[in-house]
Structure formats: C-alpha cells, structure tokens
Amino acid sequence: MAKAEKTYIVYLLKNRMNRRFTGITDDADKELTRHNKGEFKGTKQFKPWQLEWYSEPLSRNDSLRLEEQLRLHKKSTSMLEQITKKQDMGL
C-alpha cells in the first residue's frame, strides 16, 4: 500500500497597513491564529493579520515554487491577483 504524500497550503496574510506575509503550512487557519498571538518574531510587531488567500493542497515542491512566486511579487497587488487567480483556476 502506497503512503499518501503530505500536502501543503501556501497562504498570504495581510495587515491593515497592507503589509503582506507569505508562508507554507498544513492548516492556514491555525497558522493565522499563531501569527496573531505573536508566536513568530518576524510578524509579531505587525499584527493583527488577516488571511487574504490560501491555495489548494499542493505537493512540497509545488508549494515551495508558489510561495517563492508570491514572495517575489508581494508588493504588487496586480501580480498577486494574477498568480492567485491562475492558481485558483488550476493552471
């Protein structure tokens, strides 16, 4: 019997100052809670965060590639919209 491959979710957080953070997890809601509790040094001072977008479950390699794409364009709302829309369409 084949072992099921672990999947990952890429998520995009945004705060009221339009600062964004991108990460990978297996539970986006749990990760949002942890960011808003201040459990991560890099995002602690910029809370509260809200979940702006998250992907469907992906393989490790696909999630790492998508996270990198989002990070490269996190200051460009139009590019983020293009990337997330393409992802939502399964392209």
C-alpha atoms as a PDB file:
ATOM      1  CA  MET A   1       0.000   0.000   0.000  1.00  0.00           C
ATOM      2  CA  ALA A   2       1.441   3.363  -1.056  1.00  0.00           C
ATOM      3  CA  LYS A   3       1.986   6.021   1.568  1.00  0.00           C
ATOM      4  CA  ALA A   4      -0.086   9.176   0.946  1.00  0.00           C
ATOM      5  CA  GLU A   5       2.032  12.170   0.025  1.00  0.00           C
ATOM      6  CA  LYS A   6       1.886  15.004   2.543  1.00  0.00           C
ATOM      7  CA  THR A   7       0.329  18.163   1.156  1.00  0.00           C
ATOM      8  CA  TYR A   8       0.956  21.801   1.973  1.00  0.00           C
ATOM      9  CA  ILE A   9      -1.043  25.013   1.713  1.00  0.00           C
ATOM     10  CA  VAL A  10       0.528  28.298   0.667  1.00  0.00           C
ATOM     11  CA  TYR A  11      -1.065  31.242   2.437  1.00  0.00           C
ATOM     12  CA  LEU A  12      -0.966  35.010   2.104  1.00  0.00           C
ATOM     13  CA  LEU A  13      -1.578  37.248   5.120  1.00  0.00           C
ATOM     14  CA  LYS A  14      -2.247  40.972   5.022  1.00  0.00           C
ATOM     15  CA  ASN A  15      -2.447  43.557   7.802  1.00  0.00           C
ATOM     16  CA  ARG A  16      -4.173  46.938   7.995  1.00  0.00           C
ATOM     17  CA  MET A  17      -1.033  48.691   6.693  1.00  0.00           C
ATOM     18  CA  ASN A  18      -1.140  46.480   3.564  1.00  0.00           C
ATOM     19  CA  ARG A  19       1.981  44.629   4.663  1.00  0.00           C
ATOM     20  CA  ARG A  20       1.954  41.046   3.427  1.00  0.00           C
ATOM     21  CA  PHE A  21       3.445  37.790   4.619  1.00  0.00           C
ATOM     22  CA  THR A  22       3.593  34.510   2.703  1.00  0.00           C
ATOM     23  CA  GLY A  23       4.117  31.082   4.193  1.00  0.00           C
ATOM     24  CA  ILE A  24       3.527  27.347   3.889  1.00  0.00           C
ATOM     25  CA  THR A  25       1.536  25.214   6.329  1.00  0.00           C
ATOM     26  CA  ASP A  26      -0.826  22.286   6.543  1.00  0.00           C
ATOM     27  CA  ASP A  27      -3.520  24.381   8.334  1.00  0.00           C
ATOM     28  CA  ALA A  28      -3.953  28.029   7.245  1.00  0.00           C
ATOM     29  CA  ASP A  29      -6.455  28.962   9.992  1.00  0.00           C
ATOM     30  CA  LYS A  30      -4.202  27.587  12.727  1.00  0.00           C
ATOM     31  CA  GLU A  31      -1.235  29.441  11.248  1.00  0.00           C
ATOM     32  CA  LEU A  32      -3.204  32.735  11.194  1.00  0.00           C
ATOM     33  CA  THR A  33      -4.038  32.275  14.883  1.00  0.00           C
ATOM     34  CA  ARG A  34      -0.378  31.685  15.695  1.00  0.00           C
ATOM     35  CA  HIS A  35       0.684  34.837  13.799  1.00  0.00           C
ATOM     36  CA  ASN A  36      -1.938  36.916  15.638  1.00  0.00           C
ATOM     37  CA  LYS A  37      -0.829  35.504  19.012  1.00  0.00           C
ATOM     38  CA  GLY A  38       2.656  36.830  18.261  1.00  0.00           C
ATOM     39  CA  GLU A  39       4.339  33.424  18.050  1.00  0.00           C
ATOM     40  CA  PHE A  40       6.522  34.454  15.093  1.00  0.00           C
ATOM     41  CA  LYS A  41       9.239  37.037  15.617  1.00  0.00           C
ATOM     42  CA  GLY A  42       9.068  38.369  12.050  1.00  0.00           C
ATOM     43  CA  THR A  43       5.333  39.122  12.056  1.00  0.00           C
ATOM     44  CA  LYS A  44       4.702  39.838  15.746  1.00  0.00           C
ATOM     45  CA  GLN A  45       5.057  43.624  15.533  1.00  0.00           C
ATOM     46  CA  PHE A  46       2.740  43.941  12.517  1.00  0.00           C
ATOM     47  CA  LYS A  47      -0.351  42.155  13.860  1.00  0.00           C
ATOM     48  CA  PRO A  48      -3.281  41.813  13.555  1.00  0.00           C
ATOM     49  CA  TRP A  49      -3.163  39.781  10.365  1.00  0.00           C
ATOM     50  CA  GLN A  50      -5.986  38.506   8.231  1.00  0.00           C
ATOM     51  CA  LEU A  51      -5.927  35.628   5.805  1.00  0.00           C
ATOM     52  CA  GLU A  52      -6.001  37.186   2.342  1.00  0.00           C
ATOM     53  CA  TRP A  53      -5.700  33.978   0.296  1.00  0.00           C
ATOM     54  CA  TYR A  54      -4.664  30.343   0.513  1.00  0.00           C
ATOM     55  CA  SER A  55      -4.027  27.624  -2.044  1.00  0.00           C
ATOM     56  CA  GLU A  56      -5.465  24.210  -2.530  1.00  0.00           C
ATOM     57  CA  PRO A  57      -3.293  21.447  -1.018  1.00  0.00           C
ATOM     58  CA  LEU A  58      -0.078  21.084  -3.042  1.00  0.00           C
ATOM     59  CA  SER A  59       2.990  18.877  -3.099  1.00  0.00           C
ATOM     60  CA  ARG A  60       6.047  20.147  -1.257  1.00  0.00           C
ATOM     61  CA  ASN A  61       7.822  21.204  -4.460  1.00  0.00           C
ATOM     62  CA  ASP A  62       4.752  22.950  -5.903  1.00  0.00           C
ATOM     63  CA  SER A  63       4.109  24.780  -2.636  1.00  0.00           C
ATOM     64  CA  LEU A  64       7.725  25.981  -2.431  1.00  0.00           C
ATOM     65  CA  ARG A  65       7.575  27.264  -6.028  1.00  0.00           C
ATOM     66  CA  LEU A  66       4.284  29.077  -5.436  1.00  0.00           C
ATOM     67  CA  GLU A  67       5.490  30.610  -2.170  1.00  0.00           C
ATOM     68  CA  GLU A  68       8.580  31.954  -3.952  1.00  0.00           C
ATOM     69  CA  GLN A  69       6.443  33.469  -6.724  1.00  0.00           C
ATOM     70  CA  LEU A  70       4.204  35.197  -4.190  1.00  0.00           C
ATOM     71  CA  ARG A  71       7.165  36.484  -2.177  1.00  0.00           C
ATOM     72  CA  LEU A  72       8.788  37.979  -5.258  1.00  0.00           C
ATOM     73  CA  HIS A  73       5.625  39.951  -6.039  1.00  0.00           C
ATOM     74  CA  LYS A  74       4.215  40.667  -2.566  1.00  0.00           C
ATOM     75  CA  LYS A  75       4.290  44.439  -3.137  1.00  0.00           C
ATOM     76  CA  SER A  76       2.446  44.249  -6.456  1.00  0.00           C
ATOM     77  CA  THR A  77      -1.266  43.682  -5.881  1.00  0.00           C
ATOM     78  CA  SER A  78      -1.915  43.163  -9.592  1.00  0.00           C
ATOM     79  CA  MET A  79       0.779  40.464  -9.869  1.00  0.00           C
ATOM     80  CA  LEU A  80      -0.503  38.740  -6.723  1.00  0.00           C
ATOM     81  CA  GLU A  81      -4.002  38.731  -8.174  1.00  0.00           C
ATOM     82  CA  GLN A  82      -2.721  37.201 -11.413  1.00  0.00           C
ATOM     83  CA  ILE A  83      -0.783  34.482  -9.580  1.00  0.00           C
ATOM     84  CA  THR A  84      -3.602  33.600  -7.165  1.00  0.00           C
ATOM     85  CA  LYS A  85      -6.278  33.661  -9.880  1.00  0.00           C
ATOM     86  CA  LYS A  86      -4.168  31.373 -12.067  1.00  0.00           C
ATOM     87  CA  GLN A  87      -3.664  29.050  -9.097  1.00  0.00           C
ATOM     88  CA  ASP A  88      -7.396  29.030  -8.282  1.00  0.00           C
ATOM     89  CA  MET A  89      -8.137  28.043 -11.872  1.00  0.00           C
ATOM     90  CA  GLY A  90      -5.736  25.127 -11.558  1.00  0.00           C
ATOM     91  CA  LEU A  91      -3.340  26.384 -14.220  1.00  0.00           C
END
